[in-house]
């Protein structure tokens, strides 16, 4: 699936009340959706994100290379609910 399709699926799950955790600047899901290029092929996987002693559920977006394999360059985004994002920051 492409990135925009994945983000729409995630948006349905989180009802747009989520934060995309990136390597540079974390962004609200709605803001992130508006700034993306849909050309990237991605794979979604459900898991967790941890910070210190806090672990929360997350949806991970793995970017795929031209052959359909996961890239190993840190091209992963994690999406968590806004509430869980606040818990991670405490």
N, C-alpha and C. Protein backbone atom coordinates (compact mmCIF):
# COMPACT_ATOMS: atom_id res chain seq x y z
N UNK A 1 0.84 -1.17 0.00
CA UNK A 1 0.00 0.00 0.00
C UNK A 1 0.88 1.23 0.00
N UNK A 2 0.35 2.35 -0.50
CA UNK A 2 1.16 3.55 -0.46
C UNK A 2 0.94 4.29 0.86
N UNK A 3 1.76 5.28 1.11
CA UNK A 3 1.76 5.96 2.40
C UNK A 3 0.41 6.61 2.71
N UNK A 4 -0.21 7.25 1.72
CA UNK A 4 -1.50 7.91 1.99
C UNK A 4 -2.57 6.89 2.36
N UNK A 5 -2.60 5.74 1.69
CA UNK A 5 -3.56 4.69 2.05
C UNK A 5 -3.32 4.22 3.48
N UNK A 6 -2.07 4.04 3.84
CA UNK A 6 -1.73 3.60 5.20
C UNK A 6 -2.17 4.64 6.22
N UNK A 7 -1.92 5.91 5.93
CA UNK A 7 -2.30 6.96 6.87
C UNK A 7 -3.82 7.06 7.02
N UNK A 8 -4.55 6.83 5.95
CA UNK A 8 -6.02 6.83 6.05
C UNK A 8 -6.50 5.67 6.91
N UNK A 9 -5.88 4.50 6.77
CA UNK A 9 -6.23 3.35 7.60
C UNK A 9 -5.94 3.65 9.08
N UNK A 10 -4.80 4.27 9.32
CA UNK A 10 -4.43 4.63 10.69
C UNK A 10 -5.39 5.69 11.23
N UNK A 11 -5.75 6.63 10.39
CA UNK A 11 -6.67 7.70 10.80
C UNK A 11 -8.01 7.12 11.25
N UNK A 12 -8.48 6.10 10.56
CA UNK A 12 -9.73 5.43 10.96
C UNK A 12 -9.57 4.77 12.33
N UNK A 13 -8.43 4.16 12.56
CA UNK A 13 -8.18 3.47 13.83
C UNK A 13 -8.10 4.44 15.00
N UNK A 14 -7.40 5.56 14.80
CA UNK A 14 -7.16 6.50 15.89
C UNK A 14 -8.13 7.68 15.88
N UNK A 15 -9.01 7.74 14.90
CA UNK A 15 -9.96 8.85 14.77
C UNK A 15 -9.25 10.20 14.75
N UNK A 16 -8.14 10.26 14.08
CA UNK A 16 -7.34 11.48 13.90
C UNK A 16 -6.78 12.03 15.20
N UNK A 17 -6.90 11.28 16.30
CA UNK A 17 -6.37 11.72 17.58
C UNK A 17 -5.08 10.93 17.86
N UNK A 18 -4.05 11.26 17.09
CA UNK A 18 -2.80 10.51 17.21
C UNK A 18 -1.62 11.42 16.91
N UNK A 19 -0.44 10.92 17.26
CA UNK A 19 0.80 11.63 17.00
C UNK A 19 1.72 10.69 16.22
N UNK A 20 2.34 11.23 15.16
CA UNK A 20 3.31 10.48 14.38
C UNK A 20 4.68 10.79 14.95
N UNK A 21 5.36 9.76 15.42
CA UNK A 21 6.69 9.91 15.99
C UNK A 21 7.70 9.70 14.86
N UNK A 22 8.48 10.75 14.60
CA UNK A 22 9.48 10.68 13.52
C UNK A 22 10.86 10.89 14.12
N UNK A 23 11.87 10.73 13.30
CA UNK A 23 13.24 10.92 13.78
C UNK A 23 13.57 12.40 13.98
N UNK A 24 12.80 13.30 13.35
CA UNK A 24 13.09 14.73 13.47
C UNK A 24 12.11 15.43 14.40
N UNK A 25 10.86 15.59 13.95
CA UNK A 25 9.85 16.31 14.72
C UNK A 25 8.56 15.50 14.75
N UNK A 26 8.06 15.25 15.95
CA UNK A 26 6.79 14.54 16.08
C UNK A 26 5.68 15.49 15.65
N UNK A 27 4.64 14.92 15.01
CA UNK A 27 3.55 15.76 14.48
C UNK A 27 2.21 15.10 14.73
N UNK A 28 1.20 15.94 14.87
CA UNK A 28 -0.17 15.43 14.95
C UNK A 28 -0.47 14.70 13.64
N UNK A 29 -1.25 13.64 13.71
CA UNK A 29 -1.55 12.84 12.52
C UNK A 29 -2.17 13.68 11.41
N UNK A 30 -3.11 14.55 11.75
CA UNK A 30 -3.75 15.40 10.74
C UNK A 30 -2.75 16.28 10.01
N UNK A 31 -1.80 16.86 10.73
CA UNK A 31 -0.76 17.69 10.11
C UNK A 31 0.15 16.86 9.23
N UNK A 32 0.50 15.68 9.71
CA UNK A 32 1.41 14.81 8.96
C UNK A 32 0.77 14.37 7.64
N UNK A 33 -0.53 14.02 7.69
CA UNK A 33 -1.23 13.58 6.48
C UNK A 33 -1.19 14.67 5.42
N UNK A 34 -1.35 15.92 5.82
CA UNK A 34 -1.36 17.02 4.87
C UNK A 34 -0.02 17.31 4.23
N UNK A 35 1.06 16.79 4.80
CA UNK A 35 2.41 17.09 4.31
C UNK A 35 3.09 15.93 3.59
N UNK A 36 2.40 14.81 3.41
CA UNK A 36 3.06 13.63 2.88
C UNK A 36 2.98 13.52 1.37
N UNK A 37 3.92 12.77 0.84
CA UNK A 37 3.95 12.41 -0.58
C UNK A 37 3.49 10.97 -0.66
N UNK A 38 2.45 10.71 -1.43
CA UNK A 38 1.87 9.37 -1.44
C UNK A 38 2.64 8.35 -2.27
N UNK A 39 3.78 8.72 -2.83
CA UNK A 39 4.52 7.80 -3.69
C UNK A 39 5.23 6.68 -2.97
N UNK A 40 5.42 6.78 -1.68
CA UNK A 40 6.15 5.76 -0.93
C UNK A 40 5.30 4.52 -0.70
N UNK A 41 5.88 3.36 -0.95
CA UNK A 41 5.23 2.09 -0.62
C UNK A 41 5.62 1.73 0.82
N UNK A 42 4.64 1.29 1.61
CA UNK A 42 4.88 1.02 3.02
C UNK A 42 4.22 -0.28 3.46
N UNK A 43 4.60 -0.72 4.64
CA UNK A 43 4.04 -1.88 5.30
C UNK A 43 3.64 -1.45 6.71
N UNK A 44 2.43 -1.80 7.14
CA UNK A 44 2.00 -1.48 8.50
C UNK A 44 2.17 -2.68 9.41
N UNK A 45 2.56 -2.39 10.63
CA UNK A 45 2.71 -3.45 11.63
C UNK A 45 2.32 -2.86 12.99
N UNK A 46 1.57 -3.64 13.75
CA UNK A 46 1.15 -3.18 15.07
C UNK A 46 2.11 -3.71 16.12
N UNK A 47 2.43 -2.85 17.08
CA UNK A 47 3.38 -3.24 18.11
C UNK A 47 3.32 -2.27 19.28
N UNK A 48 4.50 -1.91 19.78
CA UNK A 48 4.59 -1.06 20.95
C UNK A 48 5.74 -0.07 20.79
N UNK A 49 5.68 0.99 21.60
CA UNK A 49 6.75 1.96 21.72
C UNK A 49 7.01 2.11 23.21
N UNK A 50 8.28 2.21 23.58
CA UNK A 50 8.65 2.35 24.98
C UNK A 50 9.51 3.58 25.20
N UNK A 51 9.34 4.16 26.39
CA UNK A 51 10.18 5.25 26.83
C UNK A 51 10.31 5.11 28.33
N UNK A 52 11.51 4.78 28.77
CA UNK A 52 11.70 4.52 30.20
C UNK A 52 10.89 3.30 30.62
N UNK A 53 10.08 3.46 31.64
CA UNK A 53 9.25 2.36 32.14
C UNK A 53 7.87 2.31 31.49
N UNK A 54 7.59 3.21 30.56
CA UNK A 54 6.26 3.30 29.95
C UNK A 54 6.29 2.62 28.58
N UNK A 55 5.34 1.73 28.34
CA UNK A 55 5.18 1.07 27.05
C UNK A 55 3.73 1.25 26.61
N UNK A 56 3.54 1.67 25.35
CA UNK A 56 2.20 1.89 24.82
C UNK A 56 2.05 1.20 23.47
N UNK A 57 0.81 0.96 23.08
CA UNK A 57 0.53 0.38 21.77
C UNK A 57 0.84 1.40 20.68
N UNK A 58 1.29 0.90 19.53
CA UNK A 58 1.63 1.78 18.42
C UNK A 58 1.40 1.06 17.10
N UNK A 59 1.23 1.85 16.07
CA UNK A 59 1.22 1.35 14.70
C UNK A 59 2.51 1.82 14.06
N UNK A 60 3.28 0.89 13.50
CA UNK A 60 4.56 1.22 12.87
C UNK A 60 4.38 1.23 11.36
N UNK A 61 4.96 2.21 10.72
CA UNK A 61 4.95 2.33 9.26
C UNK A 61 6.37 2.10 8.78
N UNK A 62 6.59 0.99 8.08
CA UNK A 62 7.90 0.66 7.53
C UNK A 62 7.92 1.02 6.05
N UNK A 63 8.91 1.77 5.64
CA UNK A 63 9.05 2.14 4.24
C UNK A 63 9.74 1.01 3.48
N UNK A 64 9.26 0.75 2.27
CA UNK A 64 9.78 -0.34 1.45
C UNK A 64 10.67 0.21 0.34
N UNK A 65 11.65 -0.60 -0.05
CA UNK A 65 12.51 -0.19 -1.17
C UNK A 65 11.83 -0.57 -2.48
N UNK A 66 12.53 -0.33 -3.58
CA UNK A 66 11.94 -0.58 -4.91
C UNK A 66 11.64 -2.04 -5.17
N UNK A 67 12.24 -2.95 -4.40
CA UNK A 67 11.98 -4.38 -4.56
C UNK A 67 10.93 -4.90 -3.60
N UNK A 68 10.36 -4.00 -2.77
CA UNK A 68 9.32 -4.40 -1.83
C UNK A 68 9.84 -4.91 -0.49
N UNK A 69 11.12 -4.70 -0.22
CA UNK A 69 11.70 -5.11 1.05
C UNK A 69 11.78 -3.92 1.99
N UNK A 70 11.74 -4.19 3.29
CA UNK A 70 11.85 -3.11 4.27
C UNK A 70 13.23 -2.49 4.18
N UNK A 71 13.26 -1.17 4.18
CA UNK A 71 14.53 -0.46 4.17
C UNK A 71 15.15 -0.54 5.55
N UNK A 72 16.45 -0.59 5.61
CA UNK A 72 17.17 -0.69 6.88
C UNK A 72 17.96 0.58 7.17
N UNK A 73 17.34 1.70 6.85
CA UNK A 73 18.01 2.99 7.07
C UNK A 73 17.30 3.84 8.12
N UNK A 74 16.49 3.19 8.94
CA UNK A 74 15.76 3.92 9.97
C UNK A 74 14.49 4.57 9.47
N UNK A 75 14.03 4.17 8.28
CA UNK A 75 12.83 4.75 7.69
C UNK A 75 11.57 4.11 8.28
N UNK A 76 11.35 4.40 9.55
CA UNK A 76 10.18 3.86 10.25
C UNK A 76 9.51 4.99 11.00
N UNK A 77 8.19 5.03 10.92
CA UNK A 77 7.41 5.98 11.70
C UNK A 77 6.57 5.17 12.68
N UNK A 78 6.29 5.75 13.83
CA UNK A 78 5.40 5.11 14.80
C UNK A 78 4.27 6.07 15.10
N UNK A 79 3.06 5.53 15.19
CA UNK A 79 1.89 6.34 15.48
C UNK A 79 1.28 5.84 16.78
N UNK A 80 1.05 6.76 17.70
CA UNK A 80 0.44 6.44 19.00
C UNK A 80 -0.70 7.42 19.25
N UNK A 81 -1.62 7.05 20.13
CA UNK A 81 -2.70 7.97 20.47
C UNK A 81 -2.11 9.19 21.18
N UNK A 82 -2.82 10.29 21.13
CA UNK A 82 -2.35 11.52 21.80
C UNK A 82 -2.17 11.29 23.29
N UNK A 83 -3.08 10.56 23.90
CA UNK A 83 -2.99 10.26 25.33
C UNK A 83 -1.74 9.45 25.64
N UNK A 84 -1.48 8.42 24.82
CA UNK A 84 -0.29 7.60 25.04
C UNK A 84 0.99 8.41 24.78
N UNK A 85 0.95 9.32 23.84
CA UNK A 85 2.11 10.16 23.56
C UNK A 85 2.47 10.99 24.79
N UNK A 86 1.46 11.53 25.45
CA UNK A 86 1.69 12.30 26.67
C UNK A 86 2.28 11.41 27.75
N UNK A 87 1.80 10.17 27.88
CA UNK A 87 2.33 9.23 28.86
C UNK A 87 3.80 8.94 28.59
N UNK A 88 4.18 8.83 27.33
CA UNK A 88 5.58 8.54 26.97
C UNK A 88 6.49 9.69 27.38
N UNK A 89 5.97 10.91 27.34
CA UNK A 89 6.78 12.08 27.65
C UNK A 89 6.97 12.35 29.12
N UNK A 90 6.26 11.65 29.97
CA UNK A 90 6.35 11.91 31.41
C UNK A 90 7.55 11.24 32.01
